[in-house]
Protein backbone atom coordinates (compact mmCIF):
# COMPACT_ATOMS: atom_id res chain seq x y z
CA MET A 1 0.75 -27.13 -13.68
CA GLY A 2 -0.05 -24.71 -16.47
CA ASP A 3 1.46 -24.41 -19.85
CA SER A 4 4.25 -21.79 -20.21
CA SER A 5 3.97 -18.88 -22.63
CA ASP A 6 6.63 -17.60 -24.91
CA SER A 7 7.91 -15.30 -22.09
CA VAL A 8 8.08 -18.01 -19.44
CA SER A 9 10.48 -20.92 -19.30
CA ILE A 10 11.52 -23.06 -16.39
CA ASP A 11 14.46 -24.90 -14.95
CA VAL A 12 13.69 -27.47 -12.25
CA GLU A 13 16.15 -28.75 -9.68
CA MET A 14 15.27 -31.22 -6.93
CA ILE A 15 16.47 -29.84 -3.60
CA PRO A 16 16.10 -31.04 0.03
CA LEU A 17 13.16 -30.53 2.44
CA GLY A 18 10.65 -32.45 0.28
CA GLY A 19 10.12 -29.75 -2.39
CA LYS A 20 11.26 -28.48 -5.74
CA GLU A 21 12.79 -25.23 -6.81
CA TYR A 22 11.32 -23.79 -9.97
CA VAL A 23 13.21 -20.93 -11.64
CA VAL A 24 10.58 -19.18 -13.76
CA GLU A 25 11.56 -16.71 -16.43
CA THR A 26 8.99 -13.94 -16.38
CA SER A 27 8.77 -10.85 -18.61
CA LYS A 28 10.40 -9.00 -15.74
CA GLY A 29 13.26 -11.49 -15.35
CA SER A 30 13.81 -14.75 -13.56
CA ILE A 31 12.32 -15.50 -10.11
CA SER A 32 12.75 -18.56 -7.84
CA VAL A 33 9.72 -20.41 -6.54
CA PHE A 34 10.18 -23.26 -4.02
CA VAL A 35 7.08 -25.54 -4.06
CA CYS A 36 6.20 -27.77 -1.09
CA GLY A 37 3.33 -30.16 -1.18
CA ASP A 38 0.71 -31.58 -3.55
CA GLN A 39 0.08 -29.21 -6.47
CA GLU A 40 -3.46 -30.50 -6.69
CA LYS A 41 -4.32 -28.74 -3.44
CA PRO A 42 -5.24 -25.06 -3.09
CA ALA A 43 -2.31 -22.66 -3.24
CA LEU A 44 -0.76 -20.50 -0.52
CA ILE A 45 1.98 -18.23 -1.75
CA THR A 46 4.57 -16.53 0.43
CA TYR A 47 6.89 -13.50 -0.07
CA PRO A 48 9.76 -12.65 2.39
CA ASP A 49 11.23 -9.40 3.62
CA VAL A 50 14.26 -7.58 2.32
CA SER A 51 17.45 -9.71 2.29
CA LEU A 52 15.58 -12.82 3.33
CA ASN A 53 14.38 -15.92 1.46
CA TYR A 54 11.82 -18.51 2.17
CA MET A 55 14.22 -20.41 4.55
CA SER A 56 15.27 -17.41 6.72
CA CYS A 57 11.76 -15.85 6.74
CA PHE A 58 9.31 -18.77 7.13
CA GLN A 59 11.14 -21.88 8.46
CA GLY A 60 10.23 -21.03 12.04
CA LEU A 61 6.50 -21.10 11.21
CA PHE A 62 6.41 -23.98 8.73
CA PHE A 63 8.72 -26.19 10.89
CA CYS A 64 6.18 -26.05 13.73
CA PRO A 65 4.37 -29.45 13.70
CA ASP A 66 1.04 -27.77 14.31
CA ALA A 67 1.58 -25.32 11.48
CA ALA A 68 2.55 -28.17 9.16
CA SER A 69 -0.60 -30.07 10.06
CA LEU A 70 -2.72 -27.05 9.34
CA LEU A 71 -0.98 -25.49 6.34
CA LEU A 72 0.57 -28.49 4.53
CA HIS A 73 -2.55 -30.57 5.18
CA ASN A 74 -4.70 -28.01 3.26
CA PHE A 75 -2.35 -26.27 0.86
CA CYS A 76 0.44 -26.55 -1.59
CA ILE A 77 2.95 -23.82 -0.56
CA TYR A 78 4.60 -21.65 -3.23
CA HIS A 79 7.53 -19.76 -1.66
CA ILE A 80 8.40 -16.90 -3.95
CA ASP A 81 11.78 -15.28 -3.31
CA ALA A 82 12.61 -11.75 -4.43
CA PRO A 83 14.85 -11.71 -7.57
CA GLY A 84 18.36 -12.90 -6.65
CA HIS A 85 17.45 -13.87 -3.08
CA GLU A 86 17.08 -17.60 -3.44
CA LEU A 87 19.56 -20.03 -1.86
CA GLY A 88 22.79 -20.00 -3.85
CA ALA A 89 21.76 -17.06 -6.05
CA ALA A 90 24.37 -15.46 -8.29
CA ALA A 91 24.64 -11.72 -8.72
CA ILE A 92 22.10 -10.29 -11.09
CA SER A 93 23.76 -8.85 -14.18
CA SER A 94 24.34 -5.08 -13.93
CA ASP A 95 22.78 -4.86 -17.41
CA ALA A 96 19.39 -6.17 -16.07
CA PRO A 97 16.89 -3.40 -15.69
CA LEU A 98 15.97 -2.31 -12.16
CA LEU A 99 12.52 -3.52 -11.04
CA ASN A 100 10.11 -1.19 -9.28
CA ILE A 101 7.51 -2.32 -6.81
CA ASP A 102 4.79 -2.73 -9.48
CA ASP A 103 7.14 -4.94 -11.46
CA LEU A 104 7.59 -7.20 -8.50
CA ALA A 105 3.84 -7.49 -7.99
CA ASP A 106 3.42 -8.27 -11.71
CA GLN A 107 5.96 -11.01 -11.44
CA VAL A 108 3.70 -12.64 -8.89
CA VAL A 109 0.85 -12.91 -11.33
CA GLU A 110 3.09 -14.41 -13.93
CA VAL A 111 4.11 -17.10 -11.44
CA LEU A 112 0.46 -17.86 -10.83
CA ASP A 113 -0.24 -18.05 -14.49
CA PHE A 114 2.64 -20.46 -15.05
CA PHE A 115 1.41 -22.85 -12.43
CA GLY A 116 -2.17 -22.53 -13.55
CA LEU A 117 -3.26 -21.00 -10.21
CA LYS A 118 -6.52 -18.98 -10.47
CA GLU A 119 -7.04 -18.02 -6.79
CA VAL A 120 -4.55 -18.06 -3.94
CA LEU A 121 -4.08 -17.17 -0.28
CA CYS A 122 -1.03 -14.96 0.40
CA LEU A 123 1.43 -14.81 3.29
CA GLY A 124 3.93 -11.95 3.25
CA VAL A 125 6.36 -10.32 5.71
CA THR A 126 7.03 -6.55 5.82
CA ALA A 127 8.34 -5.73 2.23
CA GLY A 128 6.85 -9.00 1.01
CA ALA A 129 3.55 -8.05 2.70
CA TYR A 130 3.58 -4.79 0.76
CA ILE A 131 4.15 -6.57 -2.55
CA LEU A 132 1.36 -9.08 -1.90
CA THR A 133 -1.10 -6.28 -0.80
CA LEU A 134 -0.30 -4.39 -4.05
CA PHE A 135 -0.70 -7.67 -5.93
CA ALA A 136 -4.11 -8.15 -4.32
CA MET A 137 -5.13 -4.61 -5.31
CA LYS A 138 -4.09 -4.95 -8.87
CA TYR A 139 -5.50 -8.51 -9.32
CA LYS A 140 -8.51 -8.63 -6.95
CA ASP A 141 -9.98 -11.76 -8.52
CA ARG A 142 -6.84 -13.78 -7.93
CA VAL A 143 -6.59 -13.38 -4.11
CA LEU A 144 -8.91 -15.08 -1.62
CA GLY A 145 -7.18 -13.86 1.47
CA LEU A 146 -4.12 -12.16 2.88
CA ILE A 147 -1.98 -12.96 5.97
CA LEU A 148 0.30 -9.97 6.46
CA VAL A 149 3.10 -9.84 9.05
CA SER A 150 4.38 -6.45 10.12
CA PRO A 151 3.23 -5.01 6.77
CA LEU A 152 4.19 -1.82 5.02
CA CYS A 153 1.49 0.22 3.23
CA ARG A 154 2.59 3.90 3.03
CA LYS A 155 5.54 5.69 1.50
CA PRO A 156 8.66 5.50 3.66
CA SER A 157 8.78 8.06 6.49
CA TRP A 158 11.83 10.30 6.33
CA THR A 159 13.44 8.24 9.15
CA GLU A 160 12.90 4.98 7.27
CA TRP A 161 14.00 6.58 3.97
CA LEU A 162 17.27 7.78 5.42
CA TYR A 163 17.85 4.46 7.25
CA ASN A 164 17.34 2.61 3.98
CA LYS A 165 19.64 5.02 2.27
CA LEU A 166 22.31 4.23 4.89
CA MET A 167 21.88 0.50 4.22
CA LEU A 168 22.07 1.10 0.39
CA ASN A 169 25.36 2.95 0.90
CA LEU A 170 26.73 0.23 3.13
CA LEU A 171 25.83 -2.40 0.51
CA TYR A 172 27.35 -0.38 -2.32
CA PHE A 173 30.72 0.40 -0.56
CA TYR A 174 31.16 -2.51 1.89
CA GLY A 175 28.76 -5.29 0.90
CA MET A 176 27.20 -7.45 3.56
CA CYS A 177 29.35 -6.02 6.31
CA GLY A 178 28.85 -6.34 10.08
CA LEU A 179 27.15 -2.97 10.46
CA LEU A 180 24.65 -3.73 7.73
CA LYS A 181 23.83 -7.02 9.24
CA GLU A 182 23.12 -5.28 12.58
CA CYS A 183 20.78 -2.82 10.79
CA LEU A 184 18.92 -5.68 9.21
CA LEU A 185 18.65 -7.66 12.51
CA GLN A 186 17.21 -4.63 14.14
CA ARG A 187 14.65 -4.53 11.38
CA TYR A 188 13.70 -8.19 11.93
CA PHE A 189 13.99 -8.88 15.65
CA SER A 190 13.22 -7.31 19.08
CA LYS A 191 16.01 -6.20 21.28
CA GLU A 192 15.22 -8.98 23.71
CA ILE A 193 15.90 -11.81 21.26
CA ARG A 194 18.91 -10.09 19.77
CA SER A 195 20.44 -9.77 23.28
CA GLY A 196 19.29 -13.16 24.40
CA MET A 197 20.01 -14.57 27.80
CA HIS A 198 23.13 -13.36 29.51
CA GLY A 199 23.90 -11.16 26.60
CA ALA A 200 24.25 -14.01 24.12
CA GLU A 201 22.43 -14.00 20.79
CA SER A 202 19.62 -16.54 20.39
CA ASP A 203 19.98 -19.41 17.93
CA ILE A 204 17.41 -17.75 15.71
CA VAL A 205 19.41 -14.58 15.32
CA GLN A 206 22.67 -16.47 14.82
CA SER A 207 21.05 -18.59 12.12
CA CYS A 208 19.66 -15.47 10.37
CA ARG A 209 23.08 -13.75 10.60
CA ARG A 210 24.71 -16.76 8.84
CA LEU A 211 21.96 -16.73 6.16
CA LEU A 212 22.63 -13.02 5.54
CA ASP A 213 26.29 -13.80 4.71
CA GLU A 214 25.01 -15.72 1.65
CA ARG A 215 23.19 -12.83 0.13
CA GLN A 216 24.58 -11.04 -2.97
CA SER A 217 24.99 -7.36 -2.01
CA SER A 218 23.89 -6.10 -5.50
CA ASN A 219 20.72 -8.21 -5.43
CA VAL A 220 19.77 -6.92 -1.94
CA MET A 221 20.39 -3.34 -3.17
CA ARG A 222 17.88 -3.85 -5.96
CA PHE A 223 15.12 -5.06 -3.71
CA LEU A 224 15.77 -2.45 -1.01
CA GLN A 225 15.88 0.38 -3.56
CA ALA A 226 12.43 -0.72 -4.93
CA ILE A 227 10.96 -0.83 -1.42
CA ASN A 228 12.47 2.57 -0.62
CA GLU A 229 10.66 4.03 -3.63
CA ARG A 230 7.28 2.55 -2.89
CA HIS A 231 3.99 4.47 -3.18
CA ASP A 232 1.13 4.77 -0.73
CA LEU A 233 -1.44 2.15 -0.88
CA THR A 234 -3.83 3.71 1.71
CA ASP A 235 -6.49 4.88 -0.78
CA GLY A 236 -7.03 1.37 -2.08
CA LEU A 237 -7.25 -0.43 1.24
CA LYS A 238 -10.94 0.16 1.78
CA LYS A 239 -11.67 -1.35 -1.61
CA LEU A 240 -9.71 -4.47 -0.75
CA LYS A 241 -12.54 -6.93 0.02
CA CYS A 242 -10.53 -10.19 0.56
CA LYS A 243 -10.36 -11.40 4.14
CA THR A 244 -7.13 -10.12 5.80
CA LEU A 245 -5.33 -11.23 8.94
CA ILE A 246 -2.63 -8.83 10.18
CA PHE A 247 0.16 -9.72 12.63
CA VAL A 248 2.60 -7.25 14.04
CA GLY A 249 5.19 -7.48 16.84
CA GLU A 250 4.87 -4.67 19.37
CA ARG A 251 8.58 -4.07 19.11
CA SER A 252 8.51 -3.89 15.31
CA PRO A 253 9.82 -0.65 13.73
CA PHE A 254 6.80 -0.93 11.49
CA HIS A 255 4.18 -1.24 14.39
CA SER A 256 2.46 2.07 13.42
CA GLU A 257 2.35 1.01 9.72
CA ALA A 258 0.45 -2.14 10.68
CA LEU A 259 -1.98 -0.14 12.85
CA HIS A 260 -2.53 2.33 10.03
CA LEU A 261 -3.21 -0.46 7.55
CA SER A 262 -5.63 -2.14 9.85
CA ALA A 263 -7.50 1.12 10.64
CA LYS A 264 -7.99 1.87 6.85
CA MET A 265 -9.22 -1.60 5.93
CA ASP A 266 -12.86 -2.72 6.04
CA LYS A 267 -13.38 -3.87 9.68
CA ARG A 268 -15.84 -6.55 8.57
CA SER A 269 -13.11 -8.48 6.70
CA SER A 270 -9.86 -7.66 8.58
CA SER A 271 -8.37 -8.63 11.95
CA LEU A 272 -5.30 -7.29 13.75
CA VAL A 273 -3.11 -9.42 16.13
CA GLU A 274 -0.43 -7.70 18.06
CA VAL A 275 2.21 -9.91 19.54
CA GLU A 276 3.79 -8.61 22.79
CA ALA A 277 7.58 -8.21 23.06
CA CYS A 278 8.20 -9.32 19.49
CA GLY A 279 9.90 -7.70 16.48
CA SER A 280 8.80 -7.59 12.88
CA LEU A 281 9.69 -11.18 12.02
CA VAL A 282 6.93 -12.87 13.98
CA THR A 283 7.24 -16.00 11.80
CA GLU A 284 10.68 -16.65 13.25
CA GLU A 285 10.64 -14.90 16.67
CA ASP A 286 7.28 -16.24 17.89
CA PRO A 287 5.58 -18.47 15.31
CA TYR A 288 3.37 -20.14 17.97
CA ALA A 289 1.59 -16.82 18.50
CA MET A 290 0.36 -17.06 14.93
CA LEU A 291 -1.14 -20.53 14.99
CA ILE A 292 -4.47 -20.05 16.75
CA PRO A 293 -5.40 -16.86 14.84
CA ILE A 294 -4.43 -18.46 11.53
CA GLU A 295 -6.49 -21.56 12.35
CA PHE A 296 -9.64 -19.54 13.04
CA PHE A 297 -8.93 -17.34 9.98
CA LEU A 298 -8.69 -20.45 7.74
CA MET A 299 -11.94 -21.81 9.20
CA GLY A 300 -13.69 -18.93 7.48
CA PHE A 301 -12.64 -20.55 4.17
CA GLY A 302 -13.59 -24.01 5.24
CA TYR A 303 -10.12 -25.33 6.10
CA HIS A 304 -9.22 -27.21 9.17
CA ARG A 305 -6.44 -29.28 10.59
CA GLN A 306 -6.70 -32.85 11.89
CA PRO A 307 -5.14 -32.42 15.40
CA THR A 308 -7.38 -30.87 18.01
CA LEU A 309 -6.85 -27.45 19.55
CA THR A 310 -5.78 -29.23 22.74
CA SER A 311 -2.60 -30.51 21.08
CA LEU A 312 -1.80 -27.06 19.90
CA LEU A 313 -2.31 -25.51 23.29
CA SER A 314 -0.23 -28.09 25.08
CA SER A 315 2.51 -27.50 22.57
CA THR A 316 2.52 -23.76 23.43
CA GLN A 317 2.94 -24.28 27.14
CA GLY A 318 6.39 -23.28 27.98
CA SER A 319 6.65 -21.57 24.58
CA ASN A 320 5.31 -18.15 23.60
CA PRO A 321 1.57 -18.27 23.00
CA ALA A 322 -0.38 -15.47 21.46
CA ARG A 323 -0.04 -12.90 24.21
CA HIS A 324 -1.56 -9.56 23.06
CA LEU A 325 -4.55 -9.92 20.70
CA SER A 326 -6.52 -7.21 18.99
CA SER A 327 -9.33 -8.50 16.83
CA HIS A 328 -11.97 -7.34 14.35
CA SER A 329 -15.00 -9.32 13.40
CA SER A 330 -13.50 -11.88 10.95
CA ILE A 331 -12.14 -13.76 13.90
CA ALA A 332 -14.76 -13.85 16.61
CA PRO A 333 -13.13 -12.55 19.77
CA GLU A 334 -14.87 -15.16 21.93
CA LEU A 335 -12.96 -17.79 20.00
CA LEU A 336 -9.67 -16.28 21.09
CA SER A 337 -10.50 -15.99 24.79
CA PRO A 338 -8.63 -18.23 27.32
CA GLU A 339 -11.91 -19.53 28.60
CA SER A 340 -13.11 -20.80 25.20
CA LEU A 341 -9.76 -22.39 24.52
CA GLY A 342 -9.97 -24.40 27.67
CA VAL A 343 -6.63 -23.33 29.09
CA LYS A 344 -5.42 -20.89 31.76
CA LEU A 345 -3.03 -18.44 30.05
CA LYS A 346 -1.05 -15.79 31.81
CA PRO A 347 -2.95 -12.52 31.99
CA ILE A 348 -3.11 -10.75 28.61
CA LYS A 349 -4.50 -7.42 27.44
CA THR A 350 -7.13 -7.81 24.82
CA ARG A 351 -8.35 -4.88 22.72
CA ILE A 352 -11.34 -5.61 20.57
CA ALA A 353 -12.62 -3.35 17.83
CA LEU A 354 -15.93 -4.43 16.30
CA GLU A 355 -18.39 -2.90 13.80
CA VAL A 356 -21.48 -1.78 15.68
């Protein structure tokens, strides 16, 4: 752990799940970082979507035994929450300046500096994916690779801008009301999982709904406003040379955004995985669909997990394996075929785009 500068101080509290919460005071204000694992290992940082924190955005993925054996075996995980989105967060003072999207990306590099992290892998979801992409553009030498889930990369469309304005007004006048929670759940999950079997909500959606109740409305407003005023990153995507793995649910409201981002990136260093019948929050709705692509992505960096692929595949039987895959050359398409994996999957559509 690195030495703090004059602008950075820290308060540490031991909390459950085998990690520590660090509240780091940056030049842009305080930010919560939940650290899991051995800090001597390479670093993987995460950043969640609007109104979510590391628990509500990433627990589905990290609680998978196979993901733990891959990610926690190789990395120390630094879960960065947006300002005021950590568990038990108080309302940010109304006197505190509003942060724009560049401020949020700059906070990330201050967190890295505090922990003495020179290079990191990044995992972000939707708004968090935008922030980490912007961070990678601004600090190219600090990012080894990006894993982006249903990412944003352009300015909001008029439809998204108005939808976000509606949510901002609901937050201002009514707080975390029922209608607002429905808007957010539509942002995160597909209709199928929101409806559930026999019209009943799934446990995942119910859990997320309960966690949304804990959010401070004013804090969510600050993050959502920054995202709604984001700028277009398209021109910088071609120059982004770090390896990038992109996931998107086919039912995500941001499906076209992910396709646009993938199309503008260097095909030699990026891959796109589309998950059938899934919303934006793939990490919660269908985390097993992420495991095989992430494993092969990390192999490109020399990482591996101790269990064999056989155990992974057996664990996905009866679950939701990766069902619709679209790949560029950083993940060899033959590695993702059912034949090479030694298992008979249900028929899937595979779209492959390769540099000729």
